[in-house]
C-alpha atoms as a PDB file:
ATOM      1  CA  MET A   1     115.854-111.396  72.689  1.00  0.00           C
ATOM      2  CA  PRO A   2     115.945-114.758  70.853  1.00  0.00           C
ATOM      3  CA  ALA A   3     119.046-116.955  71.059  1.00  0.00           C
ATOM      4  CA  SER A   4     121.051-118.949  68.521  1.00  0.00           C
ATOM      5  CA  PRO A   5     121.750-122.673  68.988  1.00  0.00           C
ATOM      6  CA  ASP A   6     124.934-121.812  70.899  1.00  0.00           C
ATOM      7  CA  GLY A   7     123.038-119.554  73.277  1.00  0.00           C
ATOM      8  CA  ALA A   8     124.174-116.226  71.809  1.00  0.00           C
ATOM      9  CA  PRO A   9     121.558-113.458  71.583  1.00  0.00           C
ATOM     10  CA  LEU A  10     120.167-112.766  68.135  1.00  0.00           C
ATOM     11  CA  PRO A  11     118.568-109.617  66.767  1.00  0.00           C
ATOM     12  CA  ALA A  12     114.810-109.663  67.217  1.00  0.00           C
ATOM     13  CA  ALA A  13     112.896-110.565  64.072  1.00  0.00           C
ATOM     14  CA  GLY A  14     111.902-107.550  62.039  1.00  0.00           C
ATOM     15  CA  ILE A  15     113.986-105.157  64.132  1.00  0.00           C
ATOM     16  CA  SER A  16     117.050-103.572  62.614  1.00  0.00           C
ATOM     17  CA  ARG A  17     119.467-100.835  63.572  1.00  0.00           C
ATOM     18  CA  PHE A  18     119.699 -98.086  60.981  1.00  0.00           C
ATOM     19  CA  VAL A  19     123.332 -97.399  60.060  1.00  0.00           C
ATOM     20  CA  VAL A  20     124.349 -94.504  57.815  1.00  0.00           C
ATOM     21  CA  VAL A  21     127.773 -94.559  56.148  1.00  0.00           C
ATOM     22  CA  LEU A  22     128.818 -91.249  54.608  1.00  0.00           C
ATOM     23  CA  LEU A  23     129.954 -91.027  50.984  1.00  0.00           C
ATOM     24  CA  PHE A  24     131.873 -88.173  49.356  1.00  0.00           C
ATOM     25  CA  ASP A  25     134.369 -87.792  46.529  1.00  0.00           C
ATOM     26  CA  GLY A  26     137.848 -89.062  47.369  1.00  0.00           C
ATOM     27  CA  VAL A  27     136.691 -91.133  50.350  1.00  0.00           C
ATOM     28  CA  ASP A  28     138.806 -94.195  51.156  1.00  0.00           C
ATOM     29  CA  LEU A  29     137.036 -97.199  49.651  1.00  0.00           C
ATOM     30  CA  LEU A  30     137.760 -99.708  52.438  1.00  0.00           C
ATOM     31  CA  ASP A  31     136.509 -97.233  55.041  1.00  0.00           C
ATOM     32  CA  VAL A  32     133.158 -97.304  53.245  1.00  0.00           C
ATOM     33  CA  THR A  33     132.866-101.003  52.407  1.00  0.00           C
ATOM     34  CA  GLY A  34     134.498-102.630  55.455  1.00  0.00           C
ATOM     35  CA  PRO A  35     131.843-101.884  58.113  1.00  0.00           C
ATOM     36  CA  PRO A  36     128.848-102.910  55.933  1.00  0.00           C
ATOM     37  CA  GLU A  37     130.584-106.219  55.228  1.00  0.00           C
ATOM     38  CA  VAL A  38     130.763-106.914  58.967  1.00  0.00           C
ATOM     39  CA  PHE A  39     127.115-105.967  59.425  1.00  0.00           C
ATOM     40  CA  ALA A  40     126.084-108.187  56.491  1.00  0.00           C
ATOM     41  CA  LEU A  41     127.936-111.177  57.926  1.00  0.00           C
ATOM     42  CA  LEU A  42     126.002-110.746  61.165  1.00  0.00           C
ATOM     43  CA  GLN A  43     122.768-111.325  59.247  1.00  0.00           C
ATOM     44  CA  ARG A  44     124.232-114.395  57.552  1.00  0.00           C
ATOM     45  CA  GLU A  45     125.434-115.809  60.867  1.00  0.00           C
ATOM     46  CA  THR A  46     122.133-115.276  62.666  1.00  0.00           C
ATOM     47  CA  GLY A  47     119.711-116.608  60.066  1.00  0.00           C
ATOM     48  CA  ASP A  48     116.811-114.698  58.569  1.00  0.00           C
ATOM     49  CA  THR A  49     116.718-111.888  61.112  1.00  0.00           C
ATOM     50  CA  THR A  50     117.952-108.437  60.226  1.00  0.00           C
ATOM     51  CA  GLY A  51     120.507-106.960  62.571  1.00  0.00           C
ATOM     52  CA  TYR A  52     121.363-103.806  60.652  1.00  0.00           C
ATOM     53  CA  GLN A  53     119.964-101.758  57.819  1.00  0.00           C
ATOM     54  CA  VAL A  54     122.889 -99.981  56.167  1.00  0.00           C
ATOM     55  CA  ALA A  55     122.502 -96.977  53.883  1.00  0.00           C
ATOM     56  CA  LEU A  56     125.249 -95.139  52.017  1.00  0.00           C
ATOM     57  CA  ALA A  57     124.446 -91.421  52.119  1.00  0.00           C
ATOM     58  CA  ALA A  58     125.856 -88.673  49.919  1.00  0.00           C
ATOM     59  CA  GLU A  59     125.023 -85.078  49.081  1.00  0.00           C
ATOM     60  CA  THR A  60     123.250 -86.157  45.875  1.00  0.00           C
ATOM     61  CA  MET A  61     122.290 -89.467  44.296  1.00  0.00           C
ATOM     62  CA  ASP A  62     125.081 -89.163  41.715  1.00  0.00           C
ATOM     63  CA  PRO A  63     127.867 -91.788  41.754  1.00  0.00           C
ATOM     64  CA  VAL A  64     130.716 -90.979  44.147  1.00  0.00           C
ATOM     65  CA  THR A  65     134.303 -91.619  43.050  1.00  0.00           C
ATOM     66  CA  THR A  66     136.413 -93.078  45.855  1.00  0.00           C
ATOM     67  CA  SER A  67     140.158 -92.734  46.358  1.00  0.00           C
ATOM     68  CA  ALA A  68     140.623 -96.078  44.602  1.00  0.00           C
ATOM     69  CA  GLY A  69     138.855 -94.781  41.513  1.00  0.00           C
ATOM     70  CA  VAL A  70     135.885 -97.081  42.122  1.00  0.00           C
ATOM     71  CA  ARG A  71     132.526 -95.373  41.763  1.00  0.00           C
ATOM     72  CA  VAL A  72     129.866 -96.086  44.379  1.00  0.00           C
ATOM     73  CA  LEU A  73     126.147 -95.347  44.191  1.00  0.00           C
ATOM     74  CA  PRO A  74     124.501 -93.752  47.246  1.00  0.00           C
ATOM     75  CA  ASP A  75     121.330 -95.200  48.700  1.00  0.00           C
ATOM     76  CA  ILE A  76     120.009 -91.925  50.103  1.00  0.00           C
ATOM     77  CA  THR A  77     120.973 -88.279  50.302  1.00  0.00           C
ATOM     78  CA  PHE A  78     122.242 -86.513  53.417  1.00  0.00           C
ATOM     79  CA  GLU A  79     118.934 -84.659  53.551  1.00  0.00           C
ATOM     80  CA  GLU A  80     116.959 -87.907  53.486  1.00  0.00           C
ATOM     81  CA  ALA A  81     119.170 -89.362  56.216  1.00  0.00           C
ATOM     82  CA  ALA A  82     118.549 -86.288  58.364  1.00  0.00           C
ATOM     83  CA  ALA A  83     114.822 -86.998  58.237  1.00  0.00           C
ATOM     84  CA  ARG A  84     115.279 -90.337  60.005  1.00  0.00           C
ATOM     85  CA  SER A  85     116.435 -91.515  63.408  1.00  0.00           C
ATOM     86  CA  ILE A  86     119.900 -93.018  63.049  1.00  0.00           C
ATOM     87  CA  ASP A  87     121.348 -95.684  65.317  1.00  0.00           C
ATOM     88  CA  THR A  88     124.943 -95.439  64.073  1.00  0.00           C
ATOM     89  CA  LEU A  89     126.574 -92.794  61.897  1.00  0.00           C
ATOM     90  CA  MET A  90     129.856 -93.962  60.363  1.00  0.00           C
ATOM     91  CA  VAL A  91     132.201 -91.288  59.056  1.00  0.00           C
ATOM     92  CA  PRO A  92     135.027 -92.446  56.787  1.00  0.00           C
ATOM     93  CA  GLY A  93     137.901 -90.219  55.730  1.00  0.00           C
ATOM     94  CA  ALA A  94     139.952 -88.989  52.805  1.00  0.00           C
ATOM     95  CA  VAL A  95     143.567 -87.943  52.440  1.00  0.00           C
ATOM     96  CA  ASP A  96     145.802 -85.970  50.130  1.00  0.00           C
ATOM     97  CA  VAL A  97     149.431 -86.919  49.489  1.00  0.00           C
ATOM     98  CA  ASP A  98     151.861 -84.096  48.710  1.00  0.00           C
ATOM     99  CA  ASP A  99     154.999 -84.157  46.563  1.00  0.00           C
ATOM    100  CA  GLN A 100     157.101 -85.267  49.542  1.00  0.00           C
ATOM    101  CA  ARG A 101     154.749 -88.213  50.174  1.00  0.00           C
ATOM    102  CA  GLY A 102     153.328 -86.443  53.195  1.00  0.00           C
ATOM    103  CA  VAL A 103     149.791 -87.519  54.082  1.00  0.00           C
ATOM    104  CA  HIS A 104     147.177 -84.917  55.037  1.00  0.00           C
ATOM    105  CA  ALA A 105     143.600 -85.612  56.095  1.00  0.00           C
ATOM    106  CA  LEU A 106     140.913 -83.714  54.188  1.00  0.00           C
ATOM    107  CA  THR A 107     137.782 -82.148  55.656  1.00  0.00           C
ATOM    108  CA  ASP A 108     135.175 -81.030  53.160  1.00  0.00           C
ATOM    109  CA  PRO A 109     133.086 -78.197  54.688  1.00  0.00           C
ATOM    110  CA  THR A 110     129.889 -79.632  53.216  1.00  0.00           C
ATOM    111  CA  VAL A 111     130.539 -83.027  54.781  1.00  0.00           C
ATOM    112  CA  VAL A 112     131.402 -81.387  58.098  1.00  0.00           C
ATOM    113  CA  HIS A 113     128.121 -79.463  57.992  1.00  0.00           C
ATOM    114  CA  TRP A 114     126.100 -82.621  57.406  1.00  0.00           C
ATOM    115  CA  VAL A 115     127.942 -84.514  60.128  1.00  0.00           C
ATOM    116  CA  LYS A 116     126.941 -81.771  62.568  1.00  0.00           C
ATOM    117  CA  THR A 117     123.337 -82.039  61.373  1.00  0.00           C
ATOM    118  CA  LEU A 118     123.159 -85.835  61.379  1.00  0.00           C
ATOM    119  CA  ALA A 119     124.840 -86.085  64.789  1.00  0.00           C
ATOM    120  CA  GLY A 120     121.702 -84.613  66.332  1.00  0.00           C
ATOM    121  CA  ARG A 121     119.690 -87.522  64.904  1.00  0.00           C
ATOM    122  CA  THR A 122     122.180 -90.224  65.887  1.00  0.00           C
ATOM    123  CA  GLN A 123     122.542 -92.481  68.928  1.00  0.00           C
ATOM    124  CA  ARG A 124     126.149 -93.495  68.214  1.00  0.00           C
ATOM    125  CA  ILE A 125     128.850 -91.950  66.019  1.00  0.00           C
ATOM    126  CA  ALA A 126     131.955 -93.719  64.723  1.00  0.00           C
ATOM    127  CA  SER A 127     134.784 -92.424  62.586  1.00  0.00           C
ATOM    128  CA  VAL A 128     136.895 -94.714  60.457  1.00  0.00           C
ATOM    129  CA  CYS A 129     140.582 -93.935  59.956  1.00  0.00           C
ATOM    130  CA  VAL A 130     141.066 -90.220  59.167  1.00  0.00           C
ATOM    131  CA  GLY A 131     137.331 -89.654  59.442  1.00  0.00           C
ATOM    132  CA  ALA A 132     138.232 -88.496  62.962  1.00  0.00           C
ATOM    133  CA  HIS A 133     139.360 -85.218  61.410  1.00  0.00           C
ATOM    134  CA  ILE A 134     135.819 -84.651  60.128  1.00  0.00           C
ATOM    135  CA  LEU A 135     134.352 -85.375  63.560  1.00  0.00           C
ATOM    136  CA  ALA A 136     136.843 -82.962  65.102  1.00  0.00           C
ATOM    137  CA  ALA A 137     136.005 -80.252  62.571  1.00  0.00           C
ATOM    138  CA  ALA A 138     132.337 -80.751  63.467  1.00  0.00           C
ATOM    139  CA  GLY A 139     133.149 -80.186  67.154  1.00  0.00           C
ATOM    140  CA  LEU A 140     132.193 -83.730  68.135  1.00  0.00           C
ATOM    141  CA  LEU A 141     135.599 -84.595  69.620  1.00  0.00           C
ATOM    142  CA  ASP A 142     136.081 -81.518  71.807  1.00  0.00           C
ATOM    143  CA  GLY A 143     137.178 -82.652  75.246  1.00  0.00           C
ATOM    144  CA  ARG A 144     137.228 -86.287  74.148  1.00  0.00           C
ATOM    145  CA  ARG A 145     139.984 -88.860  73.718  1.00  0.00           C
ATOM    146  CA  ALA A 146     140.274 -90.018  70.122  1.00  0.00           C
ATOM    147  CA  THR A 147     142.479 -91.904  67.707  1.00  0.00           C
ATOM    148  CA  THR A 148     143.095 -91.846  63.976  1.00  0.00           C
ATOM    149  CA  HIS A 149     145.561 -93.298  61.506  1.00  0.00           C
ATOM    150  CA  TRP A 150     149.088 -92.805  62.841  1.00  0.00           C
ATOM    151  CA  SER A 151     150.138 -90.843  59.730  1.00  0.00           C
ATOM    152  CA  THR A 152     147.740 -87.958  60.498  1.00  0.00           C
ATOM    153  CA  ALA A 153     147.711 -88.031  64.302  1.00  0.00           C
ATOM    154  CA  ARG A 154     150.010 -85.012  64.590  1.00  0.00           C
ATOM    155  CA  GLN A 155     147.802 -83.064  62.193  1.00  0.00           C
ATOM    156  CA  LEU A 156     144.720 -83.897  64.255  1.00  0.00           C
ATOM    157  CA  ALA A 157     146.406 -82.768  67.468  1.00  0.00           C
ATOM    158  CA  ALA A 158     147.730 -79.562  65.891  1.00  0.00           C
ATOM    159  CA  ASP A 159     144.439 -78.624  64.204  1.00  0.00           C
ATOM    160  CA  HIS A 160     142.289 -79.451  67.240  1.00  0.00           C
ATOM    161  CA  PRO A 161     144.075 -78.796  70.557  1.00  0.00           C
ATOM    162  CA  SER A 162     140.879 -79.510  72.502  1.00  0.00           C
ATOM    163  CA  VAL A 163     140.988 -83.154  71.380  1.00  0.00           C
ATOM    164  CA  GLU A 164     143.066 -85.630  73.397  1.00  0.00           C
ATOM    165  CA  VAL A 165     144.726 -87.485  70.524  1.00  0.00           C
ATOM    166  CA  ASP A 166     146.084 -90.963  71.269  1.00  0.00           C
ATOM    167  CA  ALA A 167     147.610 -92.412  68.111  1.00  0.00           C
ATOM    168  CA  ASP A 168     148.330 -95.821  69.599  1.00  0.00           C
ATOM    169  CA  PRO A 169     145.060 -97.806  70.074  1.00  0.00           C
ATOM    170  CA  ILE A 170     143.245 -99.365  67.141  1.00  0.00           C
ATOM    171  CA  PHE A 171     139.995 -97.808  68.345  1.00  0.00           C
ATOM    172  CA  ILE A 172     138.729 -95.695  71.229  1.00  0.00           C
ATOM    173  CA  ARG A 173     135.278 -95.256  72.692  1.00  0.00           C
ATOM    174  CA  ASP A 174     134.474 -92.045  74.541  1.00  0.00           C
ATOM    175  CA  GLY A 175     130.801 -91.919  75.422  1.00  0.00           C
ATOM    176  CA  ARG A 176     128.681 -92.258  72.305  1.00  0.00           C
ATOM    177  CA  VAL A 177     131.622 -91.381  70.044  1.00  0.00           C
ATOM    178  CA  TRP A 178     133.967 -94.043  68.680  1.00  0.00           C
ATOM    179  CA  THR A 179     137.114 -93.360  66.681  1.00  0.00           C
ATOM    180  CA  GLY A 180     139.146 -95.956  64.804  1.00  0.00           C
ATOM    181  CA  ALA A 181     142.659 -96.222  63.456  1.00  0.00           C
ATOM    182  CA  GLY A 182     143.540 -96.912  59.868  1.00  0.00           C
ATOM    183  CA  ILE A 183     142.725 -99.452  57.192  1.00  0.00           C
ATOM    184  CA  THR A 184     141.715-102.878  58.590  1.00  0.00           C
ATOM    185  CA  ALA A 185     141.119-101.456  62.082  1.00  0.00           C
ATOM    186  CA  CYS A 186     137.686-100.484  60.708  1.00  0.00           C
ATOM    187  CA  LEU A 187     136.788-104.163  61.002  1.00  0.00           C
ATOM    188  CA  ASP A 188     137.865-104.288  64.650  1.00  0.00           C
ATOM    189  CA  LEU A 189     135.869-101.174  65.460  1.00  0.00           C
ATOM    190  CA  THR A 190     132.782-102.517  63.686  1.00  0.00           C
ATOM    191  CA  LEU A 191     133.076-105.849  65.503  1.00  0.00           C
ATOM    192  CA  ALA A 192     133.172-103.900  68.765  1.00  0.00           C
ATOM    193  CA  LEU A 193     129.908-102.223  67.757  1.00  0.00           C
ATOM    194  CA  VAL A 194     128.420-105.662  67.112  1.00  0.00           C
ATOM    195  CA  VAL A 195     129.581-106.777  70.569  1.00  0.00           C
ATOM    196  CA  GLU A 196     127.816-103.802  72.132  1.00  0.00           C
ATOM    197  CA  ASP A 197     124.619-104.514  70.215  1.00  0.00           C
ATOM    198  CA  PHE A 198     124.406-108.314  70.163  1.00  0.00           C
ATOM    199  CA  GLY A 199     127.080-109.702  72.451  1.00  0.00           C
ATOM    200  CA  GLU A 200     130.510-111.270  72.294  1.00  0.00           C
ATOM    201  CA  ALA A 201     129.484-114.699  70.993  1.00  0.00           C
ATOM    202  CA  VAL A 202     127.815-113.378  67.845  1.00  0.00           C
ATOM    203  CA  ALA A 203     130.724-111.025  67.144  1.00  0.00           C
ATOM    204  CA  LEU A 204     133.205-113.885  67.445  1.00  0.00           C
ATOM    205  CA  ARG A 205     131.244-115.889  64.891  1.00  0.00           C
ATOM    206  CA  VAL A 206     131.371-112.953  62.491  1.00  0.00           C
ATOM    207  CA  ALA A 207     135.095-112.548  63.138  1.00  0.00           C
ATOM    208  CA  ARG A 208     135.715-116.177  62.219  1.00  0.00           C
ATOM    209  CA  GLN A 209     133.981-115.620  58.886  1.00  0.00           C
ATOM    210  CA  LEU A 210     136.300-112.654  58.324  1.00  0.00           C
ATOM    211  CA  VAL A 211     139.287-114.893  59.144  1.00  0.00           C
ATOM    212  CA  MET A 212     140.318-112.438  61.824  1.00  0.00           C
ATOM    213  CA  TYR A 213     141.905-113.033  65.218  1.00  0.00           C
ATOM    214  CA  LEU A 214     138.430-113.027  66.705  1.00  0.00           C
ATOM    215  CA  LYS A 215     138.321-109.570  68.291  1.00  0.00           C
ATOM    216  CA  ARG A 216     141.438-107.533  68.963  1.00  0.00           C
ATOM    217  CA  PRO A 217     141.358-105.506  72.195  1.00  0.00           C
ATOM    218  CA  SER A 218     140.822-101.793  71.619  1.00  0.00           C
ATOM    219  CA  GLY A 219     144.058-101.036  73.419  1.00  0.00           C
ATOM    220  CA  GLN A 220     146.188-103.032  71.021  1.00  0.00           C
ATOM    221  CA  SER A 221     148.691-100.751  69.373  1.00  0.00           C
ATOM    222  CA  GLN A 222     148.183 -99.879  65.716  1.00  0.00           C
ATOM    223  CA  PHE A 223     151.934 -99.322  65.567  1.00  0.00           C
ATOM    224  CA  SER A 224     154.444-101.916  64.544  1.00  0.00           C
ATOM    225  CA  VAL A 225     158.018-100.686  64.665  1.00  0.00           C
ATOM    226  CA  PRO A 226     158.984-102.029  61.226  1.00  0.00           C
ATOM    227  CA  ILE A 227     156.133-100.126  59.524  1.00  0.00           C
ATOM    228  CA  GLU A 228     156.839 -96.761  61.078  1.00  0.00           C
ATOM    229  CA  PRO A 229     157.915 -94.101  58.576  1.00  0.00           C
ATOM    230  CA  VAL A 230     161.322 -94.826  57.123  1.00  0.00           C
ATOM    231  CA  SER A 231     163.799 -92.298  58.454  1.00  0.00           C
ATOM    232  CA  THR A 232     165.133 -89.679  56.095  1.00  0.00           C
ATOM    233  CA  THR A 233     168.795 -89.913  57.107  1.00  0.00           C
ATOM    234  CA  ARG A 234     171.337 -92.672  56.887  1.00  0.00           C
ATOM    235  CA  ARG A 235     172.406 -91.963  60.464  1.00  0.00           C
ATOM    236  CA  MET A 236     168.933 -92.717  61.802  1.00  0.00           C
ATOM    237  CA  ASP A 237     168.708 -95.868  59.707  1.00  0.00           C
ATOM    238  CA  ASP A 238     171.981 -97.018  61.239  1.00  0.00           C
ATOM    239  CA  LEU A 239     170.740 -96.225  64.745  1.00  0.00           C
ATOM    240  CA  ARG A 240     167.520 -98.175  64.257  1.00  0.00           C
ATOM    241  CA  HIS A 241     169.397-101.177  62.902  1.00  0.00           C
ATOM    242  CA  HIS A 242     171.861-100.961  65.782  1.00  0.00           C
ATOM    243  CA  ILE A 243     168.994-100.952  68.288  1.00  0.00           C
ATOM    244  CA  ALA A 244     167.302-103.910  66.576  1.00  0.00           C
ATOM    245  CA  ARG A 245     170.540-105.924  66.739  1.00  0.00           C
ATOM    246  CA  HIS A 246     171.198-105.119  70.402  1.00  0.00           C
ATOM    247  CA  LEU A 247     167.786-105.207  72.074  1.00  0.00           C
ATOM    248  CA  ALA A 248     169.046-107.534  74.798  1.00  0.00           C
ATOM    249  CA  ASP A 249     171.897-105.164  75.641  1.00  0.00           C
ATOM    250  CA  ARG A 250     171.845-102.163  77.942  1.00  0.00           C
ATOM    251  CA  LEU A 251     171.006 -99.380  75.499  1.00  0.00           C
ATOM    252  CA  THR A 252     171.488 -95.908  76.964  1.00  0.00           C
ATOM    253  CA  VAL A 253     171.352 -92.494  75.382  1.00  0.00           C
ATOM    254  CA  ALA A 254     175.081 -92.174  76.049  1.00  0.00           C
ATOM    255  CA  ASP A 255     175.800 -95.459  74.261  1.00  0.00           C
ATOM    256  CA  LEU A 256     173.687 -94.494  71.246  1.00  0.00           C
ATOM    257  CA  ALA A 257     175.205 -91.023  71.086  1.00  0.00           C
ATOM    258  CA  GLN A 258     178.674 -92.540  71.092  1.00  0.00           C
ATOM    259  CA  HIS A 259     177.673 -94.970  68.355  1.00  0.00           C
ATOM    260  CA  ALA A 260     176.307 -92.125  66.217  1.00  0.00           C
ATOM    261  CA  HIS A 261     179.220 -89.778  67.039  1.00  0.00           C
ATOM    262  CA  VAL A 262     176.924 -87.023  68.307  1.00  0.00           C
ATOM    263  CA  SER A 263     176.179 -85.458  71.678  1.00  0.00           C
ATOM    264  CA  GLU A 264     173.390 -86.855  73.852  1.00  0.00           C
ATOM    265  CA  ARG A 265     171.382 -83.663  73.364  1.00  0.00           C
ATOM    266  CA  GLN A 266     171.768 -83.871  69.604  1.00  0.00           C
ATOM    267  CA  LEU A 267     170.775 -87.544  69.628  1.00  0.00           C
ATOM    268  CA  THR A 268     167.571 -86.757  71.478  1.00  0.00           C
ATOM    269  CA  ARG A 269     166.825 -83.964  69.017  1.00  0.00           C
ATOM    270  CA  ILE A 270     167.399 -86.310  66.066  1.00  0.00           C
ATOM    271  CA  PHE A 271     164.953 -88.908  67.434  1.00  0.00           C
ATOM    272  CA  LYS A 272     162.269 -86.325  68.161  1.00  0.00           C
ATOM    273  CA  THR A 273     162.659 -84.713  64.733  1.00  0.00           C
ATOM    274  CA  GLU A 274     162.736 -87.882  62.651  1.00  0.00           C
ATOM    275  CA  LEU A 275     160.637 -90.344  64.670  1.00  0.00           C
ATOM    276  CA  GLY A 276     158.606 -88.073  66.934  1.00  0.00           C
ATOM    277  CA  MET A 277     159.765 -89.753  70.148  1.00  0.00           C
ATOM    278  CA  THR A 278     162.655 -89.934  72.561  1.00  0.00           C
ATOM    279  CA  PRO A 279     165.414 -92.556  72.205  1.00  0.00           C
ATOM    280  CA  ALA A 280     164.068 -94.328  75.308  1.00  0.00           C
ATOM    281  CA  GLY A 281     160.556 -94.338  73.875  1.00  0.00           C
ATOM    282  CA  TYR A 282     161.745 -95.816  70.600  1.00  0.00           C
ATOM    283  CA  ILE A 283     163.830 -98.478  72.349  1.00  0.00           C
ATOM    284  CA  GLU A 284     160.843 -99.532  74.443  1.00  0.00           C
ATOM    285  CA  SER A 285     158.625 -99.674  71.333  1.00  0.00           C
ATOM    286  CA  ALA A 286     161.193-101.827  69.537  1.00  0.00           C
ATOM    287  CA  ARG A 287     161.460-104.154  72.515  1.00  0.00           C
ATOM    288  CA  VAL A 288     157.676-104.465  72.809  1.00  0.00           C
ATOM    289  CA  GLU A 289     157.491-105.246  69.103  1.00  0.00           C
ATOM    290  CA  ALA A 290     160.111-107.966  69.456  1.00  0.00           C
ATOM    291  CA  ALA A 291     158.303-109.375  72.482  1.00  0.00           C
ATOM    292  CA  ARG A 292     154.992-109.386  70.597  1.00  0.00           C
ATOM    293  CA  ASN A 293     156.577-111.406  67.791  1.00  0.00           C
ATOM    294  CA  ARG A 294     158.015-113.950  70.216  1.00  0.00           C
ATOM    295  CA  LEU A 295     154.736-114.265  72.112  1.00  0.00           C
ATOM    296  CA  GLU A 296     152.911-114.911  68.851  1.00  0.00           C
ATOM    297  CA  SER A 297     155.364-117.357  67.303  1.00  0.00           C
ATOM    298  CA  THR A 298     157.265-119.190  70.076  1.00  0.00           C
ATOM    299  CA  ASP A 299     156.665-121.121  73.276  1.00  0.00           C
ATOM    300  CA  ASP A 300     159.254-119.053  75.151  1.00  0.00           C
ATOM    301  CA  THR A 301     158.477-118.412  78.801  1.00  0.00           C
ATOM    302  CA  LEU A 302     157.822-114.825  79.847  1.00  0.00           C
ATOM    303  CA  GLU A 303     161.175-114.852  81.602  1.00  0.00           C
ATOM    304  CA  ARG A 304     162.886-115.847  78.345  1.00  0.00           C
ATOM    305  CA  VAL A 305     160.969-113.240  76.328  1.00  0.00           C
ATOM    306  CA  ALA A 306     161.866-110.535  78.846  1.00  0.00           C
ATOM    307  CA  SER A 307     165.535-111.477  78.749  1.00  0.00           C
ATOM    308  CA  VAL A 308     165.901-111.790  74.971  1.00  0.00           C
ATOM    309  CA  CYS A 309     164.035-108.548  74.292  1.00  0.00           C
ATOM    310  CA  GLY A 310     165.964-106.472  76.817  1.00  0.00           C
ATOM    311  CA  PHE A 311     163.397-106.092  79.590  1.00  0.00           C
ATOM    312  CA  ASN A 312     165.465-108.159  82.046  1.00  0.00           C
ATOM    313  CA  THR A 313     162.518-108.883  84.362  1.00  0.00           C
ATOM    314  CA  ILE A 314     158.975-110.070  83.806  1.00  0.00           C
ATOM    315  CA  ASP A 315     157.638-107.091  85.779  1.00  0.00           C
ATOM    316  CA  THR A 316     159.378-104.678  83.408  1.00  0.00           C
ATOM    317  CA  LEU A 317     157.935-106.566  80.428  1.00  0.00           C
ATOM    318  CA  ILE A 318     154.425-106.421  81.891  1.00  0.00           C
ATOM    319  CA  ARG A 319     154.658-102.688  82.639  1.00  0.00           C
ATOM    320  CA  ALA A 320     155.824-101.961  79.087  1.00  0.00           C
ATOM    321  CA  PHE A 321     152.940-103.972  77.601  1.00  0.00           C
ATOM    322  CA  ARG A 322     150.427-102.132  79.764  1.00  0.00           C
ATOM    323  CA  ARG A 323     151.859 -98.775  78.685  1.00  0.00           C
ATOM    324  CA  LYS A 324     152.041 -99.559  74.990  1.00  0.00           C
ATOM    325  CA  LEU A 325     149.193-102.028  74.422  1.00  0.00           C
ATOM    326  CA  ASN A 326     146.941-101.717  77.472  1.00  0.00           C
ATOM    327  CA  THR A 327     147.149-105.474  78.015  1.00  0.00           C
ATOM    328  CA  THR A 328     149.521-108.024  79.548  1.00  0.00           C
ATOM    329  CA  PRO A 329     151.927-110.382  77.758  1.00  0.00           C
ATOM    330  CA  THR A 330     149.844-113.364  78.874  1.00  0.00           C
ATOM    331  CA  GLU A 331     146.596-111.821  77.588  1.00  0.00           C
ATOM    332  CA  TYR A 332     148.290-110.870  74.335  1.00  0.00           C
ATOM    333  CA  ARG A 333     149.617-114.394  73.759  1.00  0.00           C
ATOM    334  CA  SER A 334     146.229-115.958  74.480  1.00  0.00           C
ATOM    335  CA  ARG A 335     144.658-113.853  71.727  1.00  0.00           C
ATOM    336  CA  PHE A 336     147.358-113.847  69.080  1.00  0.00           C
ATOM    337  CA  ARG A 337     149.407-116.999  69.492  1.00  0.00           C
ATOM    338  CA  HIS A 338     149.872-118.600  66.059  1.00  0.00           C
ATOM    339  CA  SER A 339     148.564-122.172  66.125  1.00  0.00           C
ATOM    340  CA  ARG A 340     150.936-124.854  64.925  1.00  0.00           C
ATOM    341  CA  THR A 341     149.753-127.595  62.620  1.00  0.00           C
END
């Protein structure tokens, strides 16, 4: 394989990987446009060679209206795609929002049928955001570990018990099947595909053009405590604010129950009902989030970060980071430390 001036491997001249991105009415626009943008930047970064040939495929050649109201023209039909060998099949998703602002992933039977068909012609399959629900409906996630956008993770687990749903990572690879979390995580997943195809150095050059933090590790959490669903009761709001103000303190279930004027059993039930986790799990998530912010924005030592965020010891901080982010505090800081000018 030829190399660029910096020694990174380049795609061979005249050889391209055929990528099919599915199109259907109501599809999330960024899910469709994000990955091709990454693939296009690869070509720009590597000169005149062609790394990927991307085709948008739909049931017919009629314009498809996305969730943003933007109409997109397909390049080929599903039937035409099925007549070719496909290197990568990318499956975006679509959602419906009910009157209570609840988000539900949609799975069109026709799209599911074509995913099953195209999967047999494909070397590698990747879902973007809630596209994981379509892969699951097609039986492609049975017995596999997968992720999706945090807002529909419970739905995915309930609808498909044979899928090991992990709502935390920004993307997961299980064999030839990749699943990605929501929104901008599609860029991280696509960069990981570029790494697999053409190496780390080329992917990092593309990431710089995207003004991204190079390449986020797949294990980085898609969750950030402040963006979790706002609780529906004033009592839970008060508890969350109390925890945020006292992260360095010894926070026990008994202490929180006393603060909320409820029993310990009732407190645990409240957390599971409203936040989907135990009080201890939420406290650890809040502490990890605070530690992430300090690692990104300060020069605090790990000992200082552990103390201020309530971990007390560096070992406890490291264990929490491995559980939540599948990385260490030192590795996290090296990737995401904000540079000072």
